[in-house]
Amino acid sequence: MSKPRVSVTSESPSGRNQTFHDNRTGRNMNRQQFVRSIEIGNYEHYHVREINGIKTPVSNPDKSTNNNLG
């Protein structure tokens, strides 16, 4: 099984994903940077949800495990 496109590298004490690593490009992003990249179309298998008033990146629901945030 291959690595997911994006991995979570840190979480807040409440469990919210805070920083991310693009395993394809090597780019590290905070939540806001990743949200913006999704919104402009750079990550087609991810979308943004507003959870408790905070834009949060999530993987699209599908049968693939290659795009899950892990």
N, C-alpha and C. Protein backbone atom coordinates (compact mmCIF):
# COMPACT_ATOMS: atom_id res chain seq x y z
N MET A 1 0.85 -1.18 0.00
CA MET A 1 0.00 0.00 0.00
C MET A 1 0.89 1.24 0.00
N SER A 2 0.54 2.20 -0.81
CA SER A 2 1.34 3.42 -0.90
C SER A 2 0.91 4.42 0.16
N LYS A 3 1.80 5.39 0.39
CA LYS A 3 1.51 6.46 1.34
C LYS A 3 0.40 7.35 0.81
N PRO A 4 -0.41 7.92 1.71
CA PRO A 4 -1.39 8.90 1.24
C PRO A 4 -0.69 10.13 0.67
N ARG A 5 -1.36 10.87 -0.18
CA ARG A 5 -0.77 12.08 -0.77
C ARG A 5 -0.35 13.06 0.31
N VAL A 6 -1.20 13.22 1.35
CA VAL A 6 -0.93 14.18 2.41
C VAL A 6 -0.99 13.46 3.75
N SER A 7 -0.02 13.74 4.61
CA SER A 7 0.01 13.19 5.96
C SER A 7 -0.14 14.32 6.97
N VAL A 8 -0.78 14.02 8.08
CA VAL A 8 -0.89 14.97 9.18
C VAL A 8 0.38 14.85 10.01
N THR A 9 1.02 16.00 10.30
CA THR A 9 2.27 15.96 11.06
C THR A 9 2.11 16.47 12.48
N SER A 10 1.01 17.18 12.78
CA SER A 10 0.74 17.55 14.17
C SER A 10 -0.74 17.85 14.36
N GLU A 11 -1.20 17.64 15.59
CA GLU A 11 -2.58 17.90 15.97
C GLU A 11 -2.61 18.81 17.18
N SER A 12 -3.73 19.51 17.35
CA SER A 12 -3.94 20.32 18.55
C SER A 12 -4.30 19.38 19.70
N PRO A 13 -4.29 19.86 20.94
CA PRO A 13 -4.69 19.01 22.08
C PRO A 13 -6.10 18.45 21.92
N SER A 14 -6.97 19.14 21.18
CA SER A 14 -8.34 18.65 20.98
C SER A 14 -8.43 17.63 19.84
N GLY A 15 -7.33 17.43 19.11
CA GLY A 15 -7.32 16.46 18.02
C GLY A 15 -7.49 17.05 16.63
N ARG A 16 -7.59 18.38 16.52
CA ARG A 16 -7.72 19.00 15.19
C ARG A 16 -6.37 18.93 14.48
N ASN A 17 -6.39 18.48 13.23
CA ASN A 17 -5.16 18.44 12.43
C ASN A 17 -4.65 19.86 12.21
N GLN A 18 -3.36 20.09 12.51
CA GLN A 18 -2.80 21.43 12.44
C GLN A 18 -1.77 21.62 11.33
N THR A 19 -0.88 20.65 11.14
CA THR A 19 0.14 20.77 10.10
C THR A 19 0.14 19.51 9.24
N PHE A 20 0.54 19.70 7.98
CA PHE A 20 0.41 18.65 6.98
C PHE A 20 1.68 18.57 6.14
N HIS A 21 1.93 17.39 5.58
CA HIS A 21 3.08 17.17 4.71
C HIS A 21 2.60 16.53 3.42
N ASP A 22 2.91 17.16 2.29
CA ASP A 22 2.59 16.60 0.98
C ASP A 22 3.68 15.59 0.65
N ASN A 23 3.34 14.31 0.65
CA ASN A 23 4.33 13.25 0.43
C ASN A 23 4.82 13.19 -1.00
N ARG A 24 4.14 13.83 -1.93
CA ARG A 24 4.58 13.85 -3.32
C ARG A 24 5.59 14.98 -3.56
N THR A 25 5.29 16.18 -3.04
CA THR A 25 6.15 17.34 -3.33
C THR A 25 7.14 17.65 -2.21
N GLY A 26 6.89 17.13 -1.01
CA GLY A 26 7.75 17.42 0.14
C GLY A 26 7.36 18.71 0.87
N ARG A 27 6.29 19.37 0.43
CA ARG A 27 5.87 20.64 1.02
C ARG A 27 5.22 20.41 2.39
N ASN A 28 5.60 21.23 3.37
CA ASN A 28 4.95 21.27 4.67
C ASN A 28 4.01 22.46 4.71
N MET A 29 2.81 22.26 5.26
CA MET A 29 1.80 23.33 5.28
C MET A 29 1.11 23.36 6.63
N ASN A 30 0.71 24.56 7.06
CA ASN A 30 -0.18 24.64 8.20
C ASN A 30 -1.61 24.47 7.68
N ARG A 31 -2.58 24.42 8.60
CA ARG A 31 -3.96 24.17 8.20
C ARG A 31 -4.45 25.20 7.20
N GLN A 32 -4.18 26.47 7.45
CA GLN A 32 -4.65 27.53 6.57
C GLN A 32 -4.06 27.41 5.17
N GLN A 33 -2.78 27.07 5.08
CA GLN A 33 -2.14 26.91 3.77
C GLN A 33 -2.74 25.73 3.01
N PHE A 34 -2.98 24.63 3.72
CA PHE A 34 -3.56 23.46 3.06
C PHE A 34 -4.99 23.76 2.61
N VAL A 35 -5.78 24.42 3.45
CA VAL A 35 -7.14 24.81 3.07
C VAL A 35 -7.10 25.64 1.79
N ARG A 36 -6.24 26.63 1.74
CA ARG A 36 -6.14 27.51 0.56
C ARG A 36 -5.75 26.70 -0.68
N SER A 37 -4.80 25.80 -0.54
CA SER A 37 -4.37 24.97 -1.67
C SER A 37 -5.51 24.10 -2.18
N ILE A 38 -6.33 23.58 -1.28
CA ILE A 38 -7.50 22.79 -1.69
C ILE A 38 -8.48 23.69 -2.42
N GLU A 39 -8.75 24.87 -1.86
CA GLU A 39 -9.74 25.79 -2.44
C GLU A 39 -9.36 26.25 -3.85
N ILE A 40 -8.07 26.36 -4.14
CA ILE A 40 -7.67 26.80 -5.49
C ILE A 40 -7.49 25.63 -6.45
N GLY A 41 -7.74 24.40 -5.96
CA GLY A 41 -7.75 23.25 -6.85
C GLY A 41 -6.47 22.45 -6.93
N ASN A 42 -5.55 22.63 -6.00
CA ASN A 42 -4.29 21.89 -6.06
C ASN A 42 -4.39 20.46 -5.52
N TYR A 43 -5.45 20.15 -4.79
CA TYR A 43 -5.61 18.82 -4.20
C TYR A 43 -7.01 18.31 -4.52
N GLU A 44 -7.14 17.58 -5.64
CA GLU A 44 -8.45 17.20 -6.14
C GLU A 44 -9.17 16.17 -5.28
N HIS A 45 -8.47 15.40 -4.47
CA HIS A 45 -9.11 14.36 -3.66
C HIS A 45 -9.42 14.83 -2.24
N TYR A 46 -9.38 16.13 -2.02
CA TYR A 46 -9.64 16.70 -0.70
C TYR A 46 -10.62 17.85 -0.84
N HIS A 47 -11.35 18.14 0.24
CA HIS A 47 -12.25 19.28 0.24
C HIS A 47 -12.20 19.94 1.62
N VAL A 48 -12.87 21.07 1.75
CA VAL A 48 -12.85 21.84 2.98
C VAL A 48 -14.24 21.82 3.60
N ARG A 49 -14.28 21.51 4.89
CA ARG A 49 -15.51 21.59 5.67
C ARG A 49 -15.31 22.65 6.74
N GLU A 50 -16.41 23.31 7.11
CA GLU A 50 -16.34 24.23 8.23
C GLU A 50 -16.82 23.47 9.46
N ILE A 51 -15.91 23.25 10.41
CA ILE A 51 -16.21 22.51 11.63
C ILE A 51 -16.02 23.45 12.81
N ASN A 52 -17.08 23.69 13.55
CA ASN A 52 -17.05 24.63 14.68
C ASN A 52 -16.51 25.99 14.25
N GLY A 53 -16.90 26.42 13.04
CA GLY A 53 -16.51 27.73 12.55
C GLY A 53 -15.10 27.82 12.00
N ILE A 54 -14.40 26.69 11.89
CA ILE A 54 -13.01 26.68 11.41
C ILE A 54 -12.93 25.86 10.13
N LYS A 55 -12.37 26.45 9.07
CA LYS A 55 -12.18 25.71 7.82
C LYS A 55 -11.19 24.57 8.08
N THR A 56 -11.62 23.35 7.71
CA THR A 56 -10.86 22.15 8.03
C THR A 56 -10.72 21.29 6.78
N PRO A 57 -9.48 20.91 6.42
CA PRO A 57 -9.29 20.03 5.26
C PRO A 57 -9.67 18.59 5.59
N VAL A 58 -10.36 17.94 4.66
CA VAL A 58 -10.74 16.54 4.81
C VAL A 58 -10.57 15.84 3.47
N SER A 59 -10.35 14.53 3.52
CA SER A 59 -10.27 13.77 2.28
C SER A 59 -11.68 13.47 1.79
N ASN A 60 -11.84 13.36 0.48
CA ASN A 60 -13.14 13.04 -0.09
C ASN A 60 -13.51 11.61 0.29
N PRO A 61 -14.77 11.36 0.60
CA PRO A 61 -15.18 9.99 0.93
C PRO A 61 -15.16 9.12 -0.33
N ASP A 62 -14.40 8.05 -0.28
CA ASP A 62 -14.35 7.09 -1.37
C ASP A 62 -13.72 5.81 -0.85
N LYS A 63 -13.55 4.83 -1.71
CA LYS A 63 -12.99 3.55 -1.29
C LYS A 63 -11.47 3.54 -1.21
N SER A 64 -10.83 4.59 -1.70
CA SER A 64 -9.37 4.66 -1.72
C SER A 64 -8.82 5.01 -0.34
N THR A 65 -7.72 4.36 0.03
CA THR A 65 -7.01 4.75 1.25
C THR A 65 -5.81 5.64 0.92
N ASN A 66 -5.53 5.84 -0.36
CA ASN A 66 -4.35 6.62 -0.77
C ASN A 66 -4.52 8.10 -0.58
N ASN A 67 -5.74 8.58 -0.30
CA ASN A 67 -5.93 10.02 -0.12
C ASN A 67 -6.41 10.36 1.29
N ASN A 68 -6.47 9.37 2.18
CA ASN A 68 -6.89 9.64 3.55
C ASN A 68 -5.83 10.44 4.28
N LEU A 69 -6.28 11.35 5.13
CA LEU A 69 -5.33 12.09 5.97
C LEU A 69 -4.91 11.16 7.08
N GLY A 70 -3.62 10.95 7.19
CA GLY A 70 -3.17 10.00 8.21
C GLY A 70 -1.97 10.49 8.95
